[in-house]
Amino acid sequence: MRPAISVIVTIVSDTLGLADRRHVETCLEALQRQIDPPDMEILVTCDGRLPGFEELQQRFPRVRFICAENLRNIRNGPGREHHDELRSVGIREARGDLVALLEDHDYPNPRWAAQMVSQHVGAEAAVGGAIENGIDSPLNWAVYFCDFGRYQNPVPRGPAAFVSDANVCYKRSALHRIADVWADSYNEIRVHAALAERGETLWLSPDIIVYQHRLNLHLGTALHERYIWGRSYAAVRVAGAGLGRRLGFAAVCPLLPVVLILRLFRNVLYKRRNRAAFLRALPLTTLLLIAWSYGELMGYAAGRPAASGC
């Protein structure tokens, strides 16, 4: 029989070539301690070159570890597109009627799985939830605001224009209807646009909560990661575009840090939460956004970094 839900945990903390196994250990422990869990299978997808996952398989024997070899975007150089390949691998292997996506640094709250299943009773194609910061340090807050500030609770309950691939669950049938969109590489923007074109609904719930639990963060590596992600994002955005379009995007990059900071500040004011944490982290948040913007500029001008480095 099919499980009620397949949970795909993707290793995304490997942007700089080395994933901290404590992330996925913490995530899996939280999934094993769920209250009133549904019938659930758990799959972990990772780059096959990462070491140490044989030991994790022994520690978590009921979890399927899928260590993918020859990822296309790994060969293309540093970036984050291979995370989308890994999500695609997991979706293909999932057997559940519902297919949920998490990231290795997610810490699901104790009723995450039960809430995810219970809120899939309607016709919604996908249900997403809130994302909170799990470690109280200025750098962790800065990374959190850059990554997931828009998903800080309270998020509005109901139909949504967007949900995060770090905390989302799809009906298997809905994903199969757009299989050509994610077959080789899952990208949340393309997948959600394809669902919208078919008249499908995305749903957001404040009750389905995960915590970003980034461990061992250092400013230098965080800045490097932000640069790579910004460059990767830009390169994908203008893939196949002409020189004029690329230069047009590049021209506005110097303004991005200001625009993004104002957007984050507006969101914090609206949510009426974590204002002190936002102000405490603001200098570091600004540095991270500058690194992202510089990465975008380089991505528009020169594409992805070569495999030998940035």
Protein backbone atom coordinates (compact mmCIF):
# COMPACT_ATOMS: atom_id res chain seq x y z
CA MET A 1 0.00 0.00 0.00
CA ARG A 2 1.09 3.55 -0.66
CA PRO A 3 2.08 5.68 2.33
CA ALA A 4 -0.13 8.66 3.00
CA ILE A 5 2.79 11.03 2.51
CA SER A 6 6.31 10.88 1.12
CA VAL A 7 8.70 13.39 2.70
CA ILE A 8 11.71 14.32 0.55
CA VAL A 9 14.56 15.92 2.49
CA THR A 10 17.06 17.47 0.09
CA ILE A 11 20.63 18.24 1.14
CA VAL A 12 21.04 21.91 0.25
CA SER A 13 23.80 22.88 2.68
CA ASP A 14 26.46 21.69 0.22
CA THR A 15 26.76 24.84 -1.91
CA LEU A 16 30.43 25.19 -0.98
CA GLY A 17 31.09 21.48 -1.45
CA LEU A 18 30.67 20.21 2.11
CA ALA A 19 27.38 19.52 3.89
CA ASP A 20 27.13 19.51 7.68
CA ARG A 21 25.51 16.15 8.48
CA ARG A 22 24.08 17.55 11.71
CA HIS A 23 21.49 19.37 9.63
CA VAL A 24 19.91 16.26 8.19
CA GLU A 25 20.33 14.36 11.46
CA THR A 26 18.33 17.03 13.30
CA CYS A 27 15.67 17.05 10.57
CA LEU A 28 15.28 13.26 10.58
CA GLU A 29 15.13 13.11 14.36
CA ALA A 30 12.32 15.68 14.30
CA LEU A 31 10.45 13.64 11.68
CA GLN A 32 10.81 10.49 13.78
CA ARG A 33 9.36 12.28 16.83
CA GLN A 34 6.19 13.50 15.11
CA ILE A 35 2.99 13.45 17.16
CA ASP A 36 0.16 11.36 15.65
CA PRO A 37 2.13 10.87 12.43
CA PRO A 38 0.43 9.59 9.27
CA ASP A 39 1.78 6.59 7.39
CA MET A 40 4.94 8.23 6.10
CA GLU A 41 8.00 7.38 4.05
CA ILE A 42 11.11 9.55 4.26
CA LEU A 43 13.62 9.97 1.44
CA VAL A 44 16.89 11.90 1.63
CA THR A 45 18.35 13.07 -1.68
CA CYS A 46 21.96 14.23 -1.88
CA ASP A 47 24.96 14.61 -4.15
CA GLY A 48 26.57 11.18 -4.36
CA ARG A 49 30.04 12.65 -3.84
CA LEU A 50 29.27 13.74 -0.26
CA PRO A 51 30.82 11.44 2.37
CA GLY A 52 29.31 9.86 5.46
CA PHE A 53 25.82 8.92 4.34
CA GLU A 54 26.45 5.19 4.79
CA GLU A 55 26.69 5.85 8.52
CA LEU A 56 23.45 7.81 8.47
CA GLN A 57 21.72 4.93 6.68
CA GLN A 58 22.68 2.66 9.57
CA ARG A 59 21.42 5.18 12.13
CA PHE A 60 18.12 5.76 10.29
CA PRO A 61 17.33 2.36 8.74
CA ARG A 62 13.74 3.29 7.82
CA VAL A 63 14.90 6.28 5.75
CA ARG A 64 15.77 5.86 2.06
CA PHE A 65 19.00 7.65 1.19
CA ILE A 66 19.27 8.42 -2.53
CA CYS A 67 22.79 9.59 -3.33
CA ALA A 68 22.61 10.73 -6.96
CA GLU A 69 25.62 10.41 -9.23
CA ASN A 70 26.54 12.48 -12.30
CA LEU A 71 24.30 15.44 -11.55
CA ARG A 72 24.31 17.66 -14.62
CA ASN A 73 24.52 20.95 -12.79
CA ILE A 74 27.34 19.80 -10.53
CA ARG A 75 29.46 19.34 -13.66
CA ASN A 76 28.55 22.84 -14.79
CA GLY A 77 30.21 24.43 -11.75
CA PRO A 78 29.24 25.80 -8.33
CA GLY A 79 25.61 26.73 -7.93
CA ARG A 80 22.35 25.55 -6.46
CA GLU A 81 20.61 24.17 -9.55
CA HIS A 82 21.62 20.63 -8.60
CA HIS A 83 19.31 20.94 -5.60
CA ASP A 84 16.45 21.13 -8.10
CA GLU A 85 17.76 17.99 -9.79
CA LEU A 86 17.81 16.24 -6.42
CA ARG A 87 14.23 17.26 -5.71
CA SER A 88 13.22 15.85 -9.08
CA VAL A 89 14.94 12.55 -8.25
CA GLY A 90 13.05 12.40 -4.96
CA ILE A 91 9.68 13.13 -6.55
CA ARG A 92 10.20 10.36 -9.09
CA GLU A 93 11.00 7.88 -6.31
CA ALA A 94 8.19 8.95 -3.95
CA ARG A 95 5.30 6.51 -3.48
CA GLY A 96 2.94 8.52 -1.29
CA ASP A 97 -0.38 10.05 -2.27
CA LEU A 98 1.10 13.32 -0.99
CA VAL A 99 4.66 14.44 -1.76
CA ALA A 100 6.29 16.91 0.64
CA LEU A 101 9.56 18.78 0.23
CA LEU A 102 11.89 19.83 3.04
CA GLU A 103 15.51 20.98 3.19
CA ASP A 104 18.15 19.43 5.40
CA HIS A 105 18.34 22.46 7.70
CA ASP A 106 14.56 22.37 8.34
CA TYR A 107 13.37 21.40 11.81
CA PRO A 108 9.67 20.48 11.49
CA ASN A 109 7.49 21.16 14.51
CA PRO A 110 6.00 18.10 16.26
CA ARG A 111 2.69 18.16 14.40
CA TRP A 112 4.09 19.11 11.00
CA ALA A 113 3.26 15.82 9.25
CA ALA A 114 -0.21 15.49 10.79
CA GLN A 115 -1.04 19.10 9.91
CA MET A 116 0.24 18.68 6.36
CA VAL A 117 -2.01 15.70 5.73
CA SER A 118 -5.07 17.11 7.52
CA GLN A 119 -4.94 20.33 5.49
CA HIS A 120 -4.85 18.47 2.18
CA VAL A 121 -8.53 17.56 2.39
CA GLY A 122 -9.63 20.06 -0.26
CA ALA A 123 -8.87 20.38 -3.94
CA GLU A 124 -5.65 22.36 -3.41
CA ALA A 125 -2.76 21.10 -5.53
CA ALA A 126 -0.17 22.21 -2.97
CA VAL A 127 -0.16 23.26 0.67
CA GLY A 128 2.72 25.28 2.10
CA GLY A 129 3.48 26.56 5.55
CA ALA A 130 5.39 29.05 7.64
CA ILE A 131 9.15 29.10 8.15
CA GLU A 132 10.68 30.47 11.34
CA ASN A 133 14.24 31.03 12.50
CA GLY A 134 15.44 28.35 14.92
CA ILE A 135 18.77 29.77 16.18
CA ASP A 136 18.97 33.12 17.95
CA SER A 137 22.17 34.70 16.65
CA PRO A 138 22.58 37.83 14.49
CA LEU A 139 24.04 35.89 11.55
CA ASN A 140 21.32 33.23 11.70
CA TRP A 141 18.69 35.96 11.75
CA ALA A 142 20.37 37.68 8.80
CA VAL A 143 20.42 34.47 6.75
CA TYR A 144 16.84 33.72 7.75
CA PHE A 145 15.52 37.14 6.74
CA CYS A 146 17.29 36.85 3.38
CA ASP A 147 16.00 33.33 2.74
CA PHE A 148 12.55 33.08 4.31
CA GLY A 149 11.49 36.42 5.81
CA ARG A 150 8.31 36.47 3.72
CA TYR A 151 7.23 33.15 5.31
CA GLN A 152 7.53 34.37 8.90
CA ASN A 153 4.31 33.84 10.80
CA PRO A 154 1.67 35.05 10.69
CA VAL A 155 1.23 33.99 7.09
CA PRO A 156 -2.30 34.41 5.70
CA ARG A 157 -4.37 31.25 5.68
CA GLY A 158 -5.85 30.53 2.29
CA PRO A 159 -5.04 30.64 -1.42
CA ALA A 160 -1.56 32.00 -2.08
CA ALA A 161 0.46 33.20 -5.04
CA PHE A 162 3.58 31.50 -3.69
CA VAL A 163 4.74 28.83 -1.25
CA SER A 164 8.31 27.82 -0.42
CA ASP A 165 9.98 24.64 -1.67
CA ALA A 166 11.46 24.35 1.86
CA ASN A 167 8.01 23.61 3.34
CA VAL A 168 5.45 22.43 0.82
CA CYS A 169 3.40 19.35 0.04
CA TYR A 170 1.75 18.42 -3.28
CA LYS A 171 -0.96 16.02 -4.23
CA ARG A 172 0.75 13.30 -6.23
CA SER A 173 -1.94 13.51 -8.89
CA ALA A 174 -1.33 17.25 -9.38
CA LEU A 175 2.40 16.73 -9.85
CA HIS A 176 1.79 13.95 -12.37
CA ARG A 177 -0.39 16.23 -14.48
CA ILE A 178 2.61 18.55 -15.00
CA ALA A 179 5.33 15.88 -14.95
CA ASP A 180 7.07 17.36 -17.97
CA VAL A 181 7.80 20.54 -15.96
CA TRP A 182 9.77 18.84 -13.16
CA ALA A 183 10.90 15.57 -14.78
CA ASP A 184 14.55 16.63 -15.09
CA SER A 185 14.72 19.49 -12.61
CA TYR A 186 12.16 20.73 -10.09
CA ASN A 187 11.97 24.53 -9.95
CA GLU A 188 9.30 25.97 -7.66
CA ILE A 189 8.60 28.99 -9.89
CA ARG A 190 8.08 26.86 -13.00
CA VAL A 191 6.11 24.18 -11.14
CA HIS A 192 3.77 26.67 -9.48
CA ALA A 193 3.28 28.60 -12.71
CA ALA A 194 2.36 25.37 -14.50
CA LEU A 195 -0.15 24.51 -11.77
CA ALA A 196 -1.66 28.00 -11.97
CA GLU A 197 -2.02 27.70 -15.75
CA ARG A 198 -4.12 24.59 -15.18
CA GLY A 199 -6.32 26.43 -12.69
CA GLU A 200 -4.85 24.64 -9.68
CA THR A 201 -4.68 26.32 -6.28
CA LEU A 202 -1.76 26.82 -3.91
CA TRP A 203 -2.69 27.07 -0.23
CA LEU A 204 -0.75 28.60 2.66
CA SER A 205 -1.27 27.70 6.32
CA PRO A 206 0.25 29.26 9.47
CA ASP A 207 -0.13 25.92 11.31
CA ILE A 208 2.43 24.01 9.22
CA ILE A 209 5.71 25.22 10.66
CA VAL A 210 9.37 24.42 10.13
CA TYR A 211 12.36 26.18 11.67
CA GLN A 212 15.49 27.10 9.75
CA HIS A 213 18.26 25.51 11.80
CA ARG A 214 21.52 26.54 10.13
CA LEU A 215 24.46 25.29 12.19
CA ASN A 216 28.07 26.44 12.30
CA LEU A 217 27.46 29.59 10.28
CA HIS A 218 30.40 31.90 9.60
CA LEU A 219 30.20 35.27 7.90
CA GLY A 220 32.78 34.43 5.23
CA THR A 221 31.09 31.22 4.12
CA ALA A 222 27.65 32.84 4.33
CA LEU A 223 28.78 35.67 2.06
CA HIS A 224 30.36 33.21 -0.38
CA GLU A 225 27.21 31.09 -0.43
CA ARG A 226 25.05 34.17 -1.02
CA TYR A 227 27.26 35.24 -3.92
CA ILE A 228 27.06 31.79 -5.54
CA TRP A 229 23.29 31.63 -5.09
CA GLY A 230 22.79 35.11 -6.52
CA ARG A 231 24.98 34.33 -9.52
CA SER A 232 23.25 31.00 -10.06
CA TYR A 233 19.80 32.63 -9.85
CA ALA A 234 20.73 35.29 -12.41
CA ALA A 235 22.32 32.85 -14.82
CA VAL A 236 19.18 30.71 -14.87
CA ARG A 237 16.96 33.78 -15.19
CA VAL A 238 18.65 35.01 -18.38
CA ALA A 239 19.58 31.66 -19.90
CA GLY A 240 19.19 32.10 -23.65
CA ALA A 241 18.47 35.84 -23.37
CA GLY A 242 20.11 38.41 -25.63
CA LEU A 243 22.86 40.79 -24.60
CA GLY A 244 20.50 43.74 -24.21
CA ARG A 245 18.26 41.93 -21.73
CA ARG A 246 21.25 40.72 -19.74
CA LEU A 247 22.74 44.20 -19.55
CA GLY A 248 19.37 45.64 -18.56
CA PHE A 249 19.13 43.31 -15.57
CA ALA A 250 22.76 43.97 -14.68
CA ALA A 251 22.23 47.74 -14.71
CA VAL A 252 19.77 47.63 -11.80
CA CYS A 253 21.89 45.35 -9.60
CA PRO A 254 23.57 48.23 -7.71
CA LEU A 255 20.12 49.24 -6.46
CA LEU A 256 19.15 45.74 -5.31
CA PRO A 257 20.50 45.89 -1.73
CA VAL A 258 18.43 48.98 -0.95
CA VAL A 259 15.30 47.56 -2.59
CA LEU A 260 15.64 44.22 -0.81
CA ILE A 261 16.32 45.77 2.60
CA LEU A 262 13.25 47.99 2.29
CA ARG A 263 11.17 44.98 1.28
CA LEU A 264 12.37 43.01 4.32
CA PHE A 265 11.78 45.98 6.63
CA ARG A 266 8.24 46.44 5.33
CA ASN A 267 7.52 42.76 5.91
CA VAL A 268 8.80 42.87 9.50
CA LEU A 269 6.68 45.94 10.23
CA TYR A 270 3.62 44.25 8.76
CA LYS A 271 4.15 41.01 10.70
CA ARG A 272 4.74 42.88 13.99
CA ARG A 273 7.25 40.26 15.10
CA ASN A 274 11.03 40.00 15.48
CA ARG A 275 11.63 43.70 14.92
CA ALA A 276 14.44 43.82 17.48
CA ALA A 277 16.08 40.77 15.89
CA PHE A 278 15.81 42.40 12.47
CA LEU A 279 17.54 45.57 13.66
CA ARG A 280 20.22 43.58 15.47
CA ALA A 281 20.96 41.59 12.31
CA LEU A 282 20.62 44.51 9.88
CA PRO A 283 24.37 45.14 9.31
CA LEU A 284 24.92 41.46 8.49
CA THR A 285 21.75 41.29 6.42
CA THR A 286 23.01 44.25 4.40
CA LEU A 287 26.33 42.51 3.73
CA LEU A 288 24.56 39.33 2.62
CA LEU A 289 22.30 41.26 0.26
CA ILE A 290 25.30 43.08 -1.22
CA ALA A 291 26.96 39.70 -1.84
CA TRP A 292 23.77 38.39 -3.46
CA SER A 293 23.46 41.47 -5.65
CA TYR A 294 27.08 41.21 -6.77
CA GLY A 295 26.43 37.56 -7.60
CA GLU A 296 23.39 38.57 -9.66
CA LEU A 297 25.47 41.17 -11.49
CA MET A 298 28.11 38.57 -12.38
CA GLY A 299 25.44 36.04 -13.38
CA TYR A 300 23.82 38.49 -15.80
CA ALA A 301 27.16 39.56 -17.22
CA ALA A 302 29.06 36.27 -17.34
CA GLY A 303 26.74 33.38 -16.45
CA ARG A 304 27.54 30.70 -13.92
CA PRO A 305 31.05 30.32 -12.50
CA ALA A 306 33.22 27.70 -14.17
CA ALA A 307 33.71 24.33 -12.50
CA SER A 308 37.16 25.33 -11.30
CA GLY A 309 35.80 28.08 -9.01
CA CYS A 310 33.99 31.40 -8.81
